[in-house]
């Protein structure tokens, strides 16, 4: 296994520090970004398991490619990586927190599955046209008000089916700090 980290915000790597420290034993692919003290400690702990990426793209396997978002380097959300998964004619895009204006255009065409940027907040921009599932990863309740109902509605208008990850009773999710 491996961890493909979109960017170094705490909610994207905290599982390795809290509930699943065994994740630190896997190979990590993550952007080279300025980080805070928690991420710096994790990076030291990961040691040789961490591959810090700077290139425009990085192929993890023949079906999994990380693509660098084009945002300002001071904005971790929009300068990290998105993950393209392609298999048997289907393509999925896991956006992390990158908004669509900062995702290379060729990645937004012909998708059959999509993770909605930034936990379904309204800041992701206009969704690409689709016909498969678009998933917003969020917990309820949370202090950020994710997801934004108007944003999720825009995905339905663009042709996506939007299941709600926080509504699965056997996997309760809430705000994490």
C-alpha atoms as a PDB file:
ATOM      1  CA  UNK A   1       0.000   0.000   0.000  1.00  0.00           C
ATOM      2  CA  UNK A   2       0.862   3.677  -0.109  1.00  0.00           C
ATOM      3  CA  UNK A   3      -0.462   7.086   0.874  1.00  0.00           C
ATOM      4  CA  UNK A   4      -0.969   9.727  -1.823  1.00  0.00           C
ATOM      5  CA  UNK A   5      -1.301  12.978   0.100  1.00  0.00           C
ATOM      6  CA  UNK A   6      -2.892  15.880  -1.767  1.00  0.00           C
ATOM      7  CA  UNK A   7      -1.378  18.547   0.498  1.00  0.00           C
ATOM      8  CA  UNK A   8      -0.124  19.091   4.037  1.00  0.00           C
ATOM      9  CA  UNK A   9      -3.263  20.256   5.867  1.00  0.00           C
ATOM     10  CA  UNK A  10      -3.821  18.461   9.178  1.00  0.00           C
ATOM     11  CA  UNK A  11      -7.194  16.975   8.230  1.00  0.00           C
ATOM     12  CA  UNK A  12      -5.517  15.168   5.327  1.00  0.00           C
ATOM     13  CA  UNK A  13      -2.788  13.411   7.303  1.00  0.00           C
ATOM     14  CA  UNK A  14      -4.117  13.318  10.890  1.00  0.00           C
ATOM     15  CA  UNK A  15      -5.267   9.689  10.653  1.00  0.00           C
ATOM     16  CA  UNK A  16      -1.591   8.663  10.582  1.00  0.00           C
ATOM     17  CA  UNK A  17      -1.035  10.567  13.843  1.00  0.00           C
ATOM     18  CA  UNK A  18      -4.185   9.502  15.676  1.00  0.00           C
ATOM     19  CA  UNK A  19      -6.035   6.308  14.796  1.00  0.00           C
ATOM     20  CA  UNK A  20      -3.716   4.532  12.325  1.00  0.00           C
ATOM     21  CA  UNK A  21      -0.029   5.132  13.065  1.00  0.00           C
ATOM     22  CA  UNK A  22       0.778   2.062  10.944  1.00  0.00           C
ATOM     23  CA  UNK A  23       0.183   4.287   7.904  1.00  0.00           C
ATOM     24  CA  UNK A  24       3.636   5.731   8.570  1.00  0.00           C
ATOM     25  CA  UNK A  25       5.103   2.369   7.526  1.00  0.00           C
ATOM     26  CA  UNK A  26       3.766   2.756   3.994  1.00  0.00           C
ATOM     27  CA  UNK A  27       5.330   4.661   1.100  1.00  0.00           C
ATOM     28  CA  UNK A  28       4.078   8.295   1.059  1.00  0.00           C
ATOM     29  CA  UNK A  29       3.840  10.496  -2.036  1.00  0.00           C
ATOM     30  CA  UNK A  30       3.250  14.124  -1.090  1.00  0.00           C
ATOM     31  CA  UNK A  31       3.944  17.614  -2.392  1.00  0.00           C
ATOM     32  CA  UNK A  32       7.005  19.501  -1.306  1.00  0.00           C
ATOM     33  CA  UNK A  33       5.287  22.385   0.520  1.00  0.00           C
ATOM     34  CA  UNK A  34       5.949  24.710   3.437  1.00  0.00           C
ATOM     35  CA  UNK A  35       4.470  23.013   6.495  1.00  0.00           C
ATOM     36  CA  UNK A  36       3.670  23.670  10.125  1.00  0.00           C
ATOM     37  CA  UNK A  37       5.172  21.914  13.161  1.00  0.00           C
ATOM     38  CA  UNK A  38       2.860  18.865  13.142  1.00  0.00           C
ATOM     39  CA  UNK A  39       3.529  18.088   9.490  1.00  0.00           C
ATOM     40  CA  UNK A  40       7.252  18.710   9.973  1.00  0.00           C
ATOM     41  CA  UNK A  41       7.329  16.132  12.783  1.00  0.00           C
ATOM     42  CA  UNK A  42       5.435  13.650  10.632  1.00  0.00           C
ATOM     43  CA  UNK A  43       7.821  14.218   7.720  1.00  0.00           C
ATOM     44  CA  UNK A  44      10.784  13.471   9.996  1.00  0.00           C
ATOM     45  CA  UNK A  45       9.025  10.376  11.325  1.00  0.00           C
ATOM     46  CA  UNK A  46       8.300   9.149   7.779  1.00  0.00           C
ATOM     47  CA  UNK A  47      11.967   9.499   6.829  1.00  0.00           C
ATOM     48  CA  UNK A  48      12.761   7.437   3.759  1.00  0.00           C
ATOM     49  CA  UNK A  49       9.093   6.405   3.404  1.00  0.00           C
ATOM     50  CA  UNK A  50       8.316   9.938   2.177  1.00  0.00           C
ATOM     51  CA  UNK A  51       8.830  10.945  -1.430  1.00  0.00           C
ATOM     52  CA  UNK A  52       8.425  14.736  -1.626  1.00  0.00           C
ATOM     53  CA  UNK A  53       7.232  15.647  -5.119  1.00  0.00           C
ATOM     54  CA  UNK A  54       7.903  18.789  -7.118  1.00  0.00           C
ATOM     55  CA  UNK A  55       7.194  17.643 -10.690  1.00  0.00           C
ATOM     56  CA  UNK A  56       4.054  18.533 -12.707  1.00  0.00           C
ATOM     57  CA  UNK A  57       3.038  14.865 -12.645  1.00  0.00           C
ATOM     58  CA  UNK A  58       4.126  11.619 -11.050  1.00  0.00           C
ATOM     59  CA  UNK A  59       3.016   8.122 -12.063  1.00  0.00           C
ATOM     60  CA  UNK A  60       2.517   5.899  -8.993  1.00  0.00           C
ATOM     61  CA  UNK A  61       1.337   2.883 -11.018  1.00  0.00           C
ATOM     62  CA  UNK A  62       0.259   2.462 -14.635  1.00  0.00           C
ATOM     63  CA  UNK A  63      -3.303   3.422 -13.593  1.00  0.00           C
ATOM     64  CA  UNK A  64      -2.609   6.082 -10.916  1.00  0.00           C
ATOM     65  CA  UNK A  65      -1.069   9.457 -11.659  1.00  0.00           C
ATOM     66  CA  UNK A  66      -0.593  12.460  -9.387  1.00  0.00           C
ATOM     67  CA  UNK A  67      -0.913  15.861 -11.114  1.00  0.00           C
ATOM     68  CA  UNK A  68       0.259  19.110  -9.550  1.00  0.00           C
ATOM     69  CA  UNK A  69      -2.411  21.787  -9.098  1.00  0.00           C
ATOM     70  CA  UNK A  70      -1.411  25.166 -10.519  1.00  0.00           C
ATOM     71  CA  UNK A  71      -2.212  27.467  -7.592  1.00  0.00           C
ATOM     72  CA  UNK A  72       0.172  29.816  -5.808  1.00  0.00           C
ATOM     73  CA  UNK A  73       2.734  27.855  -3.749  1.00  0.00           C
ATOM     74  CA  UNK A  74       1.667  29.767  -0.623  1.00  0.00           C
ATOM     75  CA  UNK A  75      -1.811  28.175  -0.958  1.00  0.00           C
ATOM     76  CA  UNK A  76      -1.404  24.528   0.090  1.00  0.00           C
ATOM     77  CA  UNK A  77      -4.925  23.573  -1.036  1.00  0.00           C
ATOM     78  CA  UNK A  78      -4.394  24.731  -4.605  1.00  0.00           C
ATOM     79  CA  UNK A  79      -0.723  23.887  -5.092  1.00  0.00           C
ATOM     80  CA  UNK A  80      -0.854  20.257  -3.982  1.00  0.00           C
ATOM     81  CA  UNK A  81      -1.674  17.207  -6.087  1.00  0.00           C
ATOM     82  CA  UNK A  82      -4.820  15.640  -7.489  1.00  0.00           C
ATOM     83  CA  UNK A  83      -4.983  11.928  -8.244  1.00  0.00           C
ATOM     84  CA  UNK A  84      -6.191  10.550 -11.560  1.00  0.00           C
ATOM     85  CA  UNK A  85      -7.211   6.876 -11.546  1.00  0.00           C
ATOM     86  CA  UNK A  86      -7.866   5.232 -14.926  1.00  0.00           C
ATOM     87  CA  UNK A  87      -9.006   1.668 -15.495  1.00  0.00           C
ATOM     88  CA  UNK A  88     -10.827  -0.022 -18.396  1.00  0.00           C
ATOM     89  CA  UNK A  89     -12.074   3.236 -19.892  1.00  0.00           C
ATOM     90  CA  UNK A  90     -13.239   4.747 -16.597  1.00  0.00           C
ATOM     91  CA  UNK A  91     -11.498   7.767 -15.066  1.00  0.00           C
ATOM     92  CA  UNK A  92     -11.802   9.103 -11.553  1.00  0.00           C
ATOM     93  CA  UNK A  93     -10.329  12.305 -10.187  1.00  0.00           C
ATOM     94  CA  UNK A  94      -9.615  12.791  -6.487  1.00  0.00           C
ATOM     95  CA  UNK A  95      -9.258  16.541  -6.077  1.00  0.00           C
ATOM     96  CA  UNK A  96      -8.215  16.927  -2.441  1.00  0.00           C
ATOM     97  CA  UNK A  97      -8.908  20.587  -1.663  1.00  0.00           C
ATOM     98  CA  UNK A  98      -7.867  21.993  -5.070  1.00  0.00           C
ATOM     99  CA  UNK A  99     -10.515  24.054  -6.824  1.00  0.00           C
ATOM    100  CA  UNK A 100     -11.224  23.479 -10.497  1.00  0.00           C
ATOM    101  CA  UNK A 101      -9.490  26.662 -11.657  1.00  0.00           C
ATOM    102  CA  UNK A 102      -6.222  25.140 -10.418  1.00  0.00           C
ATOM    103  CA  UNK A 103      -6.672  21.650 -11.863  1.00  0.00           C
ATOM    104  CA  UNK A 104      -5.213  21.078 -15.356  1.00  0.00           C
ATOM    105  CA  UNK A 105      -8.052  21.188 -17.910  1.00  0.00           C
ATOM    106  CA  UNK A 106      -7.339  17.817 -19.517  1.00  0.00           C
ATOM    107  CA  UNK A 107      -8.065  16.101 -16.191  1.00  0.00           C
ATOM    108  CA  UNK A 108     -11.639  17.435 -16.045  1.00  0.00           C
ATOM    109  CA  UNK A 109     -12.789  15.872 -19.320  1.00  0.00           C
ATOM    110  CA  UNK A 110     -14.436  12.445 -19.621  1.00  0.00           C
ATOM    111  CA  UNK A 111     -14.621  11.650 -15.913  1.00  0.00           C
ATOM    112  CA  UNK A 112     -16.835   8.855 -14.589  1.00  0.00           C
ATOM    113  CA  UNK A 113     -16.147   9.518 -10.884  1.00  0.00           C
ATOM    114  CA  UNK A 114     -15.074  12.575  -8.935  1.00  0.00           C
ATOM    115  CA  UNK A 115     -14.287  13.635  -5.389  1.00  0.00           C
ATOM    116  CA  UNK A 116     -15.748  17.082  -4.759  1.00  0.00           C
ATOM    117  CA  UNK A 117     -13.084  19.617  -3.737  1.00  0.00           C
ATOM    118  CA  UNK A 118     -12.653  20.795  -0.177  1.00  0.00           C
ATOM    119  CA  UNK A 119     -15.245  18.545   1.493  1.00  0.00           C
ATOM    120  CA  UNK A 120     -18.127  19.893  -0.578  1.00  0.00           C
ATOM    121  CA  UNK A 121     -17.575  23.534   0.277  1.00  0.00           C
ATOM    122  CA  UNK A 122     -18.751  26.193  -2.126  1.00  0.00           C
ATOM    123  CA  UNK A 123     -15.209  27.255  -3.024  1.00  0.00           C
ATOM    124  CA  UNK A 124     -14.368  24.565  -5.578  1.00  0.00           C
ATOM    125  CA  UNK A 125     -15.696  26.402  -8.595  1.00  0.00           C
ATOM    126  CA  UNK A 126     -17.990  25.087 -11.334  1.00  0.00           C
ATOM    127  CA  UNK A 127     -17.936  21.292 -11.545  1.00  0.00           C
ATOM    128  CA  UNK A 128     -17.028  19.554 -14.774  1.00  0.00           C
ATOM    129  CA  UNK A 129     -19.817  17.834 -16.695  1.00  0.00           C
ATOM    130  CA  UNK A 130     -20.191  14.219 -15.686  1.00  0.00           C
ATOM    131  CA  UNK A 131     -22.424  11.219 -15.510  1.00  0.00           C
ATOM    132  CA  UNK A 132     -21.126   9.146 -12.648  1.00  0.00           C
ATOM    133  CA  UNK A 133     -20.682   9.634  -8.935  1.00  0.00           C
ATOM    134  CA  UNK A 134     -19.266  12.714  -7.279  1.00  0.00           C
ATOM    135  CA  UNK A 135     -18.473  12.241  -3.587  1.00  0.00           C
ATOM    136  CA  UNK A 136     -17.919  14.913  -0.937  1.00  0.00           C
ATOM    137  CA  UNK A 137     -15.874  13.668   2.002  1.00  0.00           C
ATOM    138  CA  UNK A 138     -17.109  15.353   5.182  1.00  0.00           C
ATOM    139  CA  UNK A 139     -18.263  14.647   8.712  1.00  0.00           C
ATOM    140  CA  UNK A 140     -21.320  15.998  10.521  1.00  0.00           C
ATOM    141  CA  UNK A 141     -21.576  18.010  12.565  1.00  0.00           C
ATOM    142  CA  UNK A 142     -18.551  20.133  11.732  1.00  0.00           C
ATOM    143  CA  UNK A 143     -17.592  23.701  12.492  1.00  0.00           C
ATOM    144  CA  UNK A 144     -17.035  24.566   8.820  1.00  0.00           C
ATOM    145  CA  UNK A 145     -20.562  23.919   7.574  1.00  0.00           C
ATOM    146  CA  UNK A 146     -19.412  21.387   4.967  1.00  0.00           C
ATOM    147  CA  UNK A 147     -20.935  20.495   2.644  1.00  0.00           C
ATOM    148  CA  UNK A 148     -22.505  23.527   1.002  1.00  0.00           C
ATOM    149  CA  UNK A 149     -25.939  22.511  -0.275  1.00  0.00           C
ATOM    150  CA  UNK A 150     -25.838  24.914  -3.234  1.00  0.00           C
ATOM    151  CA  UNK A 151     -22.464  23.475  -4.275  1.00  0.00           C
ATOM    152  CA  UNK A 152     -23.777  19.904  -4.123  1.00  0.00           C
ATOM    153  CA  UNK A 153     -26.837  20.931  -6.115  1.00  0.00           C
ATOM    154  CA  UNK A 154     -24.545  22.256  -8.870  1.00  0.00           C
ATOM    155  CA  UNK A 155     -23.086  18.748  -9.231  1.00  0.00           C
ATOM    156  CA  UNK A 156     -26.556  17.311  -9.791  1.00  0.00           C
ATOM    157  CA  UNK A 157     -27.179  19.951 -12.456  1.00  0.00           C
ATOM    158  CA  UNK A 158     -23.866  19.002 -14.109  1.00  0.00           C
ATOM    159  CA  UNK A 159     -25.012  15.359 -14.319  1.00  0.00           C
ATOM    160  CA  UNK A 160     -23.387  13.842 -11.215  1.00  0.00           C
ATOM    161  CA  UNK A 161     -25.018  11.586  -8.615  1.00  0.00           C
ATOM    162  CA  UNK A 162     -23.875  12.757  -5.169  1.00  0.00           C
ATOM    163  CA  UNK A 163     -23.914  10.184  -2.325  1.00  0.00           C
ATOM    164  CA  UNK A 164     -23.402  11.598   1.181  1.00  0.00           C
ATOM    165  CA  UNK A 165     -20.472   9.954   2.974  1.00  0.00           C
ATOM    166  CA  UNK A 166     -21.448  11.204   6.443  1.00  0.00           C
ATOM    167  CA  UNK A 167     -24.872   9.538   6.327  1.00  0.00           C
ATOM    168  CA  UNK A 168     -23.625   5.956   6.588  1.00  0.00           C
ATOM    169  CA  UNK A 169     -24.736   5.034  10.125  1.00  0.00           C
ATOM    170  CA  UNK A 170     -22.190   2.235  10.538  1.00  0.00           C
ATOM    171  CA  UNK A 171     -19.338   4.698   9.942  1.00  0.00           C
ATOM    172  CA  UNK A 172     -20.167   7.842  11.932  1.00  0.00           C
ATOM    173  CA  UNK A 173     -17.970  10.791  11.071  1.00  0.00           C
ATOM    174  CA  UNK A 174     -17.772  14.135  12.751  1.00  0.00           C
ATOM    175  CA  UNK A 175     -15.500  17.120  13.178  1.00  0.00           C
ATOM    176  CA  UNK A 176     -11.914  16.005  13.900  1.00  0.00           C
ATOM    177  CA  UNK A 177      -9.301  18.006  15.797  1.00  0.00           C
END
